[in-house]
C-alpha atoms as a PDB file:
ATOM      1  CA  UNK A   1     105.571  96.156  75.720  1.00  0.00           C
ATOM      2  CA  UNK A   2     105.731  95.102  72.083  1.00  0.00           C
ATOM      3  CA  UNK A   3     108.472  93.097  70.464  1.00  0.00           C
ATOM      4  CA  UNK A   4     109.718  94.123  67.039  1.00  0.00           C
ATOM      5  CA  UNK A   5     108.213  91.663  64.536  1.00  0.00           C
ATOM      6  CA  UNK A   6     111.421  91.618  62.479  1.00  0.00           C
ATOM      7  CA  UNK A   7     114.148  91.304  65.116  1.00  0.00           C
ATOM      8  CA  UNK A   8     115.154  88.387  67.307  1.00  0.00           C
ATOM      9  CA  UNK A   9     115.092  89.077  71.038  1.00  0.00           C
ATOM     10  CA  UNK A  10     115.460  87.731  74.530  1.00  0.00           C
ATOM     11  CA  UNK A  11     112.256  88.400  76.440  1.00  0.00           C
ATOM     12  CA  UNK A  12     112.934  88.287  80.177  1.00  0.00           C
ATOM     13  CA  UNK A  13     110.301  88.431  82.933  1.00  0.00           C
ATOM     14  CA  UNK A  14     111.926  89.314  86.255  1.00  0.00           C
ATOM     15  CA  UNK A  15     115.466  88.024  86.844  1.00  0.00           C
ATOM     16  CA  UNK A  16     117.142  85.040  88.473  1.00  0.00           C
ATOM     17  CA  UNK A  17     118.955  87.407  90.840  1.00  0.00           C
ATOM     18  CA  UNK A  18     115.711  89.015  92.076  1.00  0.00           C
ATOM     19  CA  UNK A  19     113.960  85.653  92.392  1.00  0.00           C
ATOM     20  CA  UNK A  20     116.777  84.122  94.457  1.00  0.00           C
ATOM     21  CA  UNK A  21     116.450  87.113  96.807  1.00  0.00           C
ATOM     22  CA  UNK A  22     112.791  86.274  97.388  1.00  0.00           C
ATOM     23  CA  UNK A  23     110.854  88.095  94.679  1.00  0.00           C
ATOM     24  CA  UNK A  24     108.012  85.688  93.903  1.00  0.00           C
ATOM     25  CA  UNK A  25     105.423  88.419  93.509  1.00  0.00           C
ATOM     26  CA  UNK A  26     106.171  89.998  90.129  1.00  0.00           C
ATOM     27  CA  UNK A  27     105.183  86.929  88.153  1.00  0.00           C
ATOM     28  CA  UNK A  28     103.420  86.424  84.831  1.00  0.00           C
ATOM     29  CA  UNK A  29     101.094  83.810  83.427  1.00  0.00           C
ATOM     30  CA  UNK A  30     101.614  82.046  80.136  1.00  0.00           C
ATOM     31  CA  UNK A  31      98.542  83.830  78.753  1.00  0.00           C
ATOM     32  CA  UNK A  32     100.317  87.167  79.258  1.00  0.00           C
ATOM     33  CA  UNK A  33     103.490  85.845  77.660  1.00  0.00           C
ATOM     34  CA  UNK A  34     101.576  84.560  74.640  1.00  0.00           C
ATOM     35  CA  UNK A  35     100.023  88.000  74.175  1.00  0.00           C
ATOM     36  CA  UNK A  36     103.492  89.584  74.249  1.00  0.00           C
ATOM     37  CA  UNK A  37     104.697  87.122  71.600  1.00  0.00           C
ATOM     38  CA  UNK A  38     101.749  87.813  69.311  1.00  0.00           C
ATOM     39  CA  UNK A  39     103.500  90.441  67.089  1.00  0.00           C
ATOM     40  CA  UNK A  40     106.267  87.972  66.190  1.00  0.00           C
ATOM     41  CA  UNK A  41     106.211  85.760  63.071  1.00  0.00           C
ATOM     42  CA  UNK A  42     104.213  82.628  63.950  1.00  0.00           C
ATOM     43  CA  UNK A  43     106.842  80.226  62.611  1.00  0.00           C
ATOM     44  CA  UNK A  44     109.769  81.678  64.584  1.00  0.00           C
ATOM     45  CA  UNK A  45     111.252  79.200  67.091  1.00  0.00           C
ATOM     46  CA  UNK A  46     111.111  79.954  70.810  1.00  0.00           C
ATOM     47  CA  UNK A  47     113.391  78.507  73.495  1.00  0.00           C
ATOM     48  CA  UNK A  48     113.223  79.348  77.154  1.00  0.00           C
ATOM     49  CA  UNK A  49     113.889  78.595  80.800  1.00  0.00           C
ATOM     50  CA  UNK A  50     112.137  79.451  84.044  1.00  0.00           C
ATOM     51  CA  UNK A  51     110.400  78.193  87.146  1.00  0.00           C
ATOM     52  CA  UNK A  52     106.981  78.373  88.786  1.00  0.00           C
ATOM     53  CA  UNK A  53     105.660  80.157  91.835  1.00  0.00           C
ATOM     54  CA  UNK A  54     104.350  76.968  93.462  1.00  0.00           C
ATOM     55  CA  UNK A  55     105.579  77.068  97.048  1.00  0.00           C
ATOM     56  CA  UNK A  56     107.803  74.100  97.973  1.00  0.00           C
ATOM     57  CA  UNK A  57     107.274  72.711  94.475  1.00  0.00           C
ATOM     58  CA  UNK A  58     108.840  75.295  92.150  1.00  0.00           C
ATOM     59  CA  UNK A  59     110.345  72.906  89.622  1.00  0.00           C
ATOM     60  CA  UNK A  60     111.877  73.893  86.288  1.00  0.00           C
ATOM     61  CA  UNK A  61     110.084  75.039  83.138  1.00  0.00           C
ATOM     62  CA  UNK A  62     111.135  74.272  79.567  1.00  0.00           C
ATOM     63  CA  UNK A  63     109.857  76.444  76.709  1.00  0.00           C
ATOM     64  CA  UNK A  64     110.113  75.192  73.125  1.00  0.00           C
ATOM     65  CA  UNK A  65     108.167  75.070  69.862  1.00  0.00           C
ATOM     66  CA  UNK A  66     107.237  78.148  67.866  1.00  0.00           C
ATOM     67  CA  UNK A  67     105.410  81.402  68.502  1.00  0.00           C
ATOM     68  CA  UNK A  68     102.146  79.913  67.197  1.00  0.00           C
ATOM     69  CA  UNK A  69     102.606  76.385  68.583  1.00  0.00           C
ATOM     70  CA  UNK A  70     104.431  76.745  71.906  1.00  0.00           C
ATOM     71  CA  UNK A  71     105.352  74.062  74.416  1.00  0.00           C
ATOM     72  CA  UNK A  72     105.600  74.709  78.163  1.00  0.00           C
ATOM     73  CA  UNK A  73     106.885  71.706  80.093  1.00  0.00           C
ATOM     74  CA  UNK A  74     107.530  71.468  83.819  1.00  0.00           C
ATOM     75  CA  UNK A  75     109.933  69.201  85.682  1.00  0.00           C
ATOM     76  CA  UNK A  76     108.003  68.379  88.866  1.00  0.00           C
ATOM     77  CA  UNK A  77     110.276  67.912  91.916  1.00  0.00           C
ATOM     78  CA  UNK A  78     107.555  65.780  93.538  1.00  0.00           C
ATOM     79  CA  UNK A  79     106.566  63.720  90.518  1.00  0.00           C
ATOM     80  CA  UNK A  80     105.738  60.010  90.681  1.00  0.00           C
ATOM     81  CA  UNK A  81     109.298  59.561  89.404  1.00  0.00           C
ATOM     82  CA  UNK A  82     112.130  62.059  90.013  1.00  0.00           C
ATOM     83  CA  UNK A  83     111.600  65.304  88.070  1.00  0.00           C
ATOM     84  CA  UNK A  84     108.702  63.921  86.069  1.00  0.00           C
ATOM     85  CA  UNK A  85     107.757  66.042  83.049  1.00  0.00           C
ATOM     86  CA  UNK A  86     104.284  67.624  83.014  1.00  0.00           C
ATOM     87  CA  UNK A  87     102.818  69.431  79.999  1.00  0.00           C
ATOM     88  CA  UNK A  88     101.493  72.657  81.504  1.00  0.00           C
ATOM     89  CA  UNK A  89      99.613  73.709  78.365  1.00  0.00           C
ATOM     90  CA  UNK A  90      97.968  70.413  77.444  1.00  0.00           C
ATOM     91  CA  UNK A  91      98.108  68.131  80.471  1.00  0.00           C
ATOM     92  CA  UNK A  92      96.367  67.817  83.815  1.00  0.00           C
ATOM     93  CA  UNK A  93      98.185  69.146  86.869  1.00  0.00           C
ATOM     94  CA  UNK A  94      99.333  66.750  89.618  1.00  0.00           C
ATOM     95  CA  UNK A  95      96.767  66.025  92.315  1.00  0.00           C
ATOM     96  CA  UNK A  96      99.140  64.426  94.837  1.00  0.00           C
ATOM     97  CA  UNK A  97     102.085  65.771  96.810  1.00  0.00           C
ATOM     98  CA  UNK A  98     102.564  69.301  98.112  1.00  0.00           C
ATOM     99  CA  UNK A  99      99.607  71.510  97.224  1.00  0.00           C
ATOM    100  CA  UNK A 100     100.074  73.737  94.179  1.00  0.00           C
ATOM    101  CA  UNK A 101      99.750  77.058  95.979  1.00  0.00           C
ATOM    102  CA  UNK A 102     101.516  80.356  95.369  1.00  0.00           C
ATOM    103  CA  UNK A 103     102.720  82.857  97.990  1.00  0.00           C
ATOM    104  CA  UNK A 104     100.959  85.773  96.305  1.00  0.00           C
ATOM    105  CA  UNK A 105      97.266  86.150  97.037  1.00  0.00           C
ATOM    106  CA  UNK A 106      96.805  87.786  93.641  1.00  0.00           C
ATOM    107  CA  UNK A 107      97.938  84.651  91.787  1.00  0.00           C
ATOM    108  CA  UNK A 108      95.663  81.887  90.586  1.00  0.00           C
ATOM    109  CA  UNK A 109      97.045  78.569  91.815  1.00  0.00           C
ATOM    110  CA  UNK A 110      95.554  76.606  88.917  1.00  0.00           C
ATOM    111  CA  UNK A 111      97.476  78.616  86.320  1.00  0.00           C
ATOM    112  CA  UNK A 112     101.193  78.476  87.086  1.00  0.00           C
ATOM    113  CA  UNK A 113     102.513  81.972  87.796  1.00  0.00           C
ATOM    114  CA  UNK A 114     106.063  82.309  86.536  1.00  0.00           C
ATOM    115  CA  UNK A 115     108.321  84.401  88.825  1.00  0.00           C
ATOM    116  CA  UNK A 116     111.164  84.091  86.334  1.00  0.00           C
ATOM    117  CA  UNK A 117     111.015  83.303  82.642  1.00  0.00           C
ATOM    118  CA  UNK A 118     113.479  84.008  79.826  1.00  0.00           C
ATOM    119  CA  UNK A 119     112.451  83.276  76.233  1.00  0.00           C
ATOM    120  CA  UNK A 120     114.530  83.601  73.117  1.00  0.00           C
ATOM    121  CA  UNK A 121     112.390  84.590  70.119  1.00  0.00           C
ATOM    122  CA  UNK A 122     114.573  83.336  67.290  1.00  0.00           C
ATOM    123  CA  UNK A 123     114.901  84.322  63.648  1.00  0.00           C
ATOM    124  CA  UNK A 124     115.159  81.011  61.753  1.00  0.00           C
ATOM    125  CA  UNK A 125     117.309  82.658  59.071  1.00  0.00           C
ATOM    126  CA  UNK A 126     120.043  83.307  61.664  1.00  0.00           C
ATOM    127  CA  UNK A 127     120.371  79.698  62.836  1.00  0.00           C
ATOM    128  CA  UNK A 128     123.836  78.208  63.222  1.00  0.00           C
ATOM    129  CA  UNK A 129     124.006  74.404  63.464  1.00  0.00           C
ATOM    130  CA  UNK A 130     127.003  72.786  65.122  1.00  0.00           C
ATOM    131  CA  UNK A 131     127.822  69.098  65.606  1.00  0.00           C
ATOM    132  CA  UNK A 132     130.000  67.735  68.383  1.00  0.00           C
ATOM    133  CA  UNK A 133     131.173  64.224  69.252  1.00  0.00           C
ATOM    134  CA  UNK A 134     132.330  62.586  72.477  1.00  0.00           C
ATOM    135  CA  UNK A 135     132.252  65.688  74.650  1.00  0.00           C
ATOM    136  CA  UNK A 136     132.760  65.434  78.408  1.00  0.00           C
ATOM    137  CA  UNK A 137     130.949  68.730  79.085  1.00  0.00           C
ATOM    138  CA  UNK A 138     128.361  70.141  76.689  1.00  0.00           C
ATOM    139  CA  UNK A 139     128.399  73.407  78.668  1.00  0.00           C
ATOM    140  CA  UNK A 140     132.125  73.944  78.175  1.00  0.00           C
ATOM    141  CA  UNK A 141     132.002  72.965  74.514  1.00  0.00           C
ATOM    142  CA  UNK A 142     129.192  75.416  73.724  1.00  0.00           C
ATOM    143  CA  UNK A 143     130.753  78.243  75.726  1.00  0.00           C
ATOM    144  CA  UNK A 144     134.079  77.852  73.921  1.00  0.00           C
ATOM    145  CA  UNK A 145     132.327  77.824  70.555  1.00  0.00           C
ATOM    146  CA  UNK A 146     130.289  80.909  71.456  1.00  0.00           C
ATOM    147  CA  UNK A 147     133.478  82.773  72.353  1.00  0.00           C
ATOM    148  CA  UNK A 148     135.206  81.767  69.121  1.00  0.00           C
ATOM    149  CA  UNK A 149     132.143  82.832  67.074  1.00  0.00           C
ATOM    150  CA  UNK A 150     131.881  86.170  68.965  1.00  0.00           C
ATOM    151  CA  UNK A 151     128.258  85.577  69.975  1.00  0.00           C
ATOM    152  CA  UNK A 152     127.067  87.662  72.915  1.00  0.00           C
ATOM    153  CA  UNK A 153     123.458  86.555  73.390  1.00  0.00           C
ATOM    154  CA  UNK A 154     121.683  83.503  71.971  1.00  0.00           C
ATOM    155  CA  UNK A 155     118.898  80.980  72.221  1.00  0.00           C
ATOM    156  CA  UNK A 156     119.962  77.335  72.073  1.00  0.00           C
ATOM    157  CA  UNK A 157     118.427  73.970  71.219  1.00  0.00           C
ATOM    158  CA  UNK A 158     120.375  70.742  71.765  1.00  0.00           C
ATOM    159  CA  UNK A 159     119.505  67.251  70.553  1.00  0.00           C
ATOM    160  CA  UNK A 160     121.921  64.983  72.389  1.00  0.00           C
ATOM    161  CA  UNK A 161     122.761  61.307  72.535  1.00  0.00           C
ATOM    162  CA  UNK A 162     123.836  61.524  76.154  1.00  0.00           C
ATOM    163  CA  UNK A 163     126.405  59.467  78.009  1.00  0.00           C
ATOM    164  CA  UNK A 164     125.323  60.741  81.402  1.00  0.00           C
ATOM    165  CA  UNK A 165     123.380  63.711  82.707  1.00  0.00           C
ATOM    166  CA  UNK A 166     123.028  65.388  86.084  1.00  0.00           C
ATOM    167  CA  UNK A 167     119.782  67.340  86.380  1.00  0.00           C
ATOM    168  CA  UNK A 168     118.130  69.264  89.188  1.00  0.00           C
ATOM    169  CA  UNK A 169     114.731  70.684  90.090  1.00  0.00           C
ATOM    170  CA  UNK A 170     114.062  73.353  92.707  1.00  0.00           C
ATOM    171  CA  UNK A 171     111.724  72.130  95.441  1.00  0.00           C
ATOM    172  CA  UNK A 172     112.101  74.977  97.929  1.00  0.00           C
ATOM    173  CA  UNK A 173     113.017  78.555  97.055  1.00  0.00           C
ATOM    174  CA  UNK A 174     112.395  80.432 100.340  1.00  0.00           C
ATOM    175  CA  UNK A 175     110.393  83.647 100.391  1.00  0.00           C
ATOM    176  CA  UNK A 176     113.087  85.355 102.468  1.00  0.00           C
ATOM    177  CA  UNK A 177     115.608  84.584  99.742  1.00  0.00           C
ATOM    178  CA  UNK A 178     118.593  82.282  99.683  1.00  0.00           C
ATOM    179  CA  UNK A 179     121.440  83.087 102.062  1.00  0.00           C
ATOM    180  CA  UNK A 180     124.450  82.733  99.787  1.00  0.00           C
ATOM    181  CA  UNK A 181     126.926  84.412 102.150  1.00  0.00           C
ATOM    182  CA  UNK A 182     128.448  81.060 103.132  1.00  0.00           C
ATOM    183  CA  UNK A 183     128.013  79.327  99.802  1.00  0.00           C
ATOM    184  CA  UNK A 184     125.046  77.456  98.420  1.00  0.00           C
ATOM    185  CA  UNK A 185     123.823  74.259 100.080  1.00  0.00           C
ATOM    186  CA  UNK A 186     121.831  72.799  97.208  1.00  0.00           C
ATOM    187  CA  UNK A 187     120.527  69.886  99.309  1.00  0.00           C
ATOM    188  CA  UNK A 188     118.106  72.240 101.105  1.00  0.00           C
ATOM    189  CA  UNK A 189     116.647  73.626  97.901  1.00  0.00           C
ATOM    190  CA  UNK A 190     117.189  71.271  94.977  1.00  0.00           C
ATOM    191  CA  UNK A 191     116.539  67.675  94.101  1.00  0.00           C
ATOM    192  CA  UNK A 192     119.249  66.052  92.000  1.00  0.00           C
ATOM    193  CA  UNK A 193     119.134  63.034  89.720  1.00  0.00           C
ATOM    194  CA  UNK A 194     121.699  61.288  87.555  1.00  0.00           C
ATOM    195  CA  UNK A 195     120.799  59.615  84.274  1.00  0.00           C
ATOM    196  CA  UNK A 196     122.859  57.267  82.137  1.00  0.00           C
ATOM    197  CA  UNK A 197     122.378  57.408  78.372  1.00  0.00           C
ATOM    198  CA  UNK A 198     119.265  58.379  76.464  1.00  0.00           C
ATOM    199  CA  UNK A 199     118.238  61.002  73.957  1.00  0.00           C
ATOM    200  CA  UNK A 200     117.848  64.447  75.493  1.00  0.00           C
ATOM    201  CA  UNK A 201     116.071  67.496  74.170  1.00  0.00           C
ATOM    202  CA  UNK A 202     117.523  70.632  75.755  1.00  0.00           C
ATOM    203  CA  UNK A 203     116.906  74.369  75.403  1.00  0.00           C
ATOM    204  CA  UNK A 204     118.679  77.313  76.926  1.00  0.00           C
ATOM    205  CA  UNK A 205     119.937  80.866  76.913  1.00  0.00           C
ATOM    206  CA  UNK A 206     123.545  82.039  76.582  1.00  0.00           C
ATOM    207  CA  UNK A 207     124.663  85.486  77.726  1.00  0.00           C
ATOM    208  CA  UNK A 208     128.294  86.609  77.566  1.00  0.00           C
ATOM    209  CA  UNK A 209     127.735  89.913  79.381  1.00  0.00           C
ATOM    210  CA  UNK A 210     128.055  89.624  83.206  1.00  0.00           C
ATOM    211  CA  UNK A 211     125.085  91.945  83.782  1.00  0.00           C
ATOM    212  CA  UNK A 212     122.851  89.779  81.617  1.00  0.00           C
ATOM    213  CA  UNK A 213     124.217  86.658  83.291  1.00  0.00           C
ATOM    214  CA  UNK A 214     122.752  87.828  86.618  1.00  0.00           C
ATOM    215  CA  UNK A 215     119.378  88.120  84.891  1.00  0.00           C
ATOM    216  CA  UNK A 216     119.241  84.694  83.233  1.00  0.00           C
ATOM    217  CA  UNK A 217     121.625  82.726  85.470  1.00  0.00           C
ATOM    218  CA  UNK A 218     124.279  83.806  87.968  1.00  0.00           C
ATOM    219  CA  UNK A 219     127.399  85.784  87.175  1.00  0.00           C
ATOM    220  CA  UNK A 220     130.151  83.522  85.900  1.00  0.00           C
ATOM    221  CA  UNK A 221     127.716  80.956  84.458  1.00  0.00           C
ATOM    222  CA  UNK A 222     126.759  82.267  81.002  1.00  0.00           C
ATOM    223  CA  UNK A 223     124.863  79.174  79.855  1.00  0.00           C
ATOM    224  CA  UNK A 224     121.554  78.164  81.459  1.00  0.00           C
ATOM    225  CA  UNK A 225     120.058  74.904  80.150  1.00  0.00           C
ATOM    226  CA  UNK A 226     116.800  73.054  80.861  1.00  0.00           C
ATOM    227  CA  UNK A 227     115.812  69.832  79.157  1.00  0.00           C
ATOM    228  CA  UNK A 228     114.163  66.441  79.245  1.00  0.00           C
ATOM    229  CA  UNK A 229     114.572  62.856  78.149  1.00  0.00           C
ATOM    230  CA  UNK A 230     111.323  62.112  76.246  1.00  0.00           C
ATOM    231  CA  UNK A 231     111.679  58.340  76.686  1.00  0.00           C
ATOM    232  CA  UNK A 232     111.863  58.671  80.452  1.00  0.00           C
ATOM    233  CA  UNK A 233     109.623  61.721  80.698  1.00  0.00           C
ATOM    234  CA  UNK A 234     112.074  63.183  83.203  1.00  0.00           C
ATOM    235  CA  UNK A 235     114.238  66.274  83.138  1.00  0.00           C
ATOM    236  CA  UNK A 236     114.984  69.618  84.725  1.00  0.00           C
ATOM    237  CA  UNK A 237     117.846  72.086  84.978  1.00  0.00           C
ATOM    238  CA  UNK A 238     120.813  70.482  83.217  1.00  0.00           C
ATOM    239  CA  UNK A 239     123.738  70.752  85.640  1.00  0.00           C
ATOM    240  CA  UNK A 240     126.117  68.627  83.587  1.00  0.00           C
ATOM    241  CA  UNK A 241     125.920  66.604  80.395  1.00  0.00           C
ATOM    242  CA  UNK A 242     128.399  64.365  78.611  1.00  0.00           C
ATOM    243  CA  UNK A 243     127.383  63.241  75.135  1.00  0.00           C
ATOM    244  CA  UNK A 244     128.393  60.779  72.437  1.00  0.00           C
ATOM    245  CA  UNK A 245     126.973  63.201  69.889  1.00  0.00           C
ATOM    246  CA  UNK A 246     125.000  66.435  69.979  1.00  0.00           C
ATOM    247  CA  UNK A 247     123.414  68.656  67.361  1.00  0.00           C
ATOM    248  CA  UNK A 248     123.410  72.215  68.664  1.00  0.00           C
ATOM    249  CA  UNK A 249     121.273  74.900  67.013  1.00  0.00           C
ATOM    250  CA  UNK A 250     122.132  78.460  68.006  1.00  0.00           C
ATOM    251  CA  UNK A 251     120.133  81.579  67.190  1.00  0.00           C
ATOM    252  CA  UNK A 252     121.970  84.841  67.976  1.00  0.00           C
ATOM    253  CA  UNK A 253     119.569  87.293  69.626  1.00  0.00           C
ATOM    254  CA  UNK A 254     119.672  90.961  68.671  1.00  0.00           C
ATOM    255  CA  UNK A 255     117.610  92.641  71.391  1.00  0.00           C
ATOM    256  CA  UNK A 256     117.026  92.280  75.119  1.00  0.00           C
ATOM    257  CA  UNK A 257     113.588  93.162  76.495  1.00  0.00           C
ATOM    258  CA  UNK A 258     113.043  93.187  80.264  1.00  0.00           C
ATOM    259  CA  UNK A 259     109.674  93.258  81.975  1.00  0.00           C
ATOM    260  CA  UNK A 260     108.880  93.338  85.690  1.00  0.00           C
ATOM    261  CA  UNK A 261     105.186  93.789  86.327  1.00  0.00           C
ATOM    262  CA  UNK A 262     103.201  95.399  89.143  1.00  0.00           C
ATOM    263  CA  UNK A 263     105.927  97.439  90.796  1.00  0.00           C
ATOM    264  CA  UNK A 264     103.493 100.120  91.959  1.00  0.00           C
ATOM    265  CA  UNK A 265     103.104  98.624  95.459  1.00  0.00           C
ATOM    266  CA  UNK A 266     105.886  98.050  97.978  1.00  0.00           C
ATOM    267  CA  UNK A 267     104.134  95.430 100.090  1.00  0.00           C
ATOM    268  CA  UNK A 268     102.057  92.696  98.519  1.00  0.00           C
ATOM    269  CA  UNK A 269      99.665  90.330 100.340  1.00  0.00           C
ATOM    270  CA  UNK A 270     101.171  86.958 101.202  1.00  0.00           C
ATOM    271  CA  UNK A 271      99.233  83.763 101.814  1.00  0.00           C
ATOM    272  CA  UNK A 272      99.494  82.062 105.202  1.00  0.00           C
ATOM    273  CA  UNK A 273     101.969  79.346 104.275  1.00  0.00           C
ATOM    274  CA  UNK A 274     103.571  76.572 106.280  1.00  0.00           C
ATOM    275  CA  UNK A 275     106.649  77.602 108.282  1.00  0.00           C
ATOM    276  CA  UNK A 276     110.057  77.123 106.725  1.00  0.00           C
ATOM    277  CA  UNK A 277     111.517  73.671 107.148  1.00  0.00           C
ATOM    278  CA  UNK A 278     114.408  73.418 109.575  1.00  0.00           C
END
């Protein structure tokens, strides 16, 4: 797979829908992602969302920076403080808490395999910058603006002076998949935290098309945001955010590129992991 060096694109590895059904085996490493990004202009911004394959410690990943100088942060659900931010490219991995082990025997536990990752590779010339003040829901505000601007697919960066934020981090995504037939009991799978105030740095992907929504989020939720508060060094999946002021940069994305690797085998070897919690 090669991206066009002159066109913005959403690069998607696996999908949220497949992952929530238990597909933790068609993952990629950041080294593979970086190789896929290599044809793109080095100064183009990247923004992305994802999670890791670490069993019972999946967490949330935050991709930012540029093609040549990327950032890959991880909100650790078992951090010393709730959803502590770890720099996966430049920092040491945690040595306490649940072991960093993946279900696939072909994965290296020391390099976080990513069972889902979506990255917007953004043309800086296409950037739209919006300002908003005293918004009760940054999600609703952005979605309404996207509709009015007729934008179907986009990468997003938000710099927000937050009033309050609810964030989450996945701590247990079961290998048998989530049973959503009776609704979603987040308490069994996610850790939640509420934050009052602070400056937040948030990235995300917006997809208007319902089919694409199932790939980067779930149908009916077109905006998927991950972020952190640098002062606190905490963050995760942004469930809700109210803000005094926010500067929102939007890059419309022209192309969608999907990749699911290693589909040649039906059954893949699984490590002997601890039984599912009751």
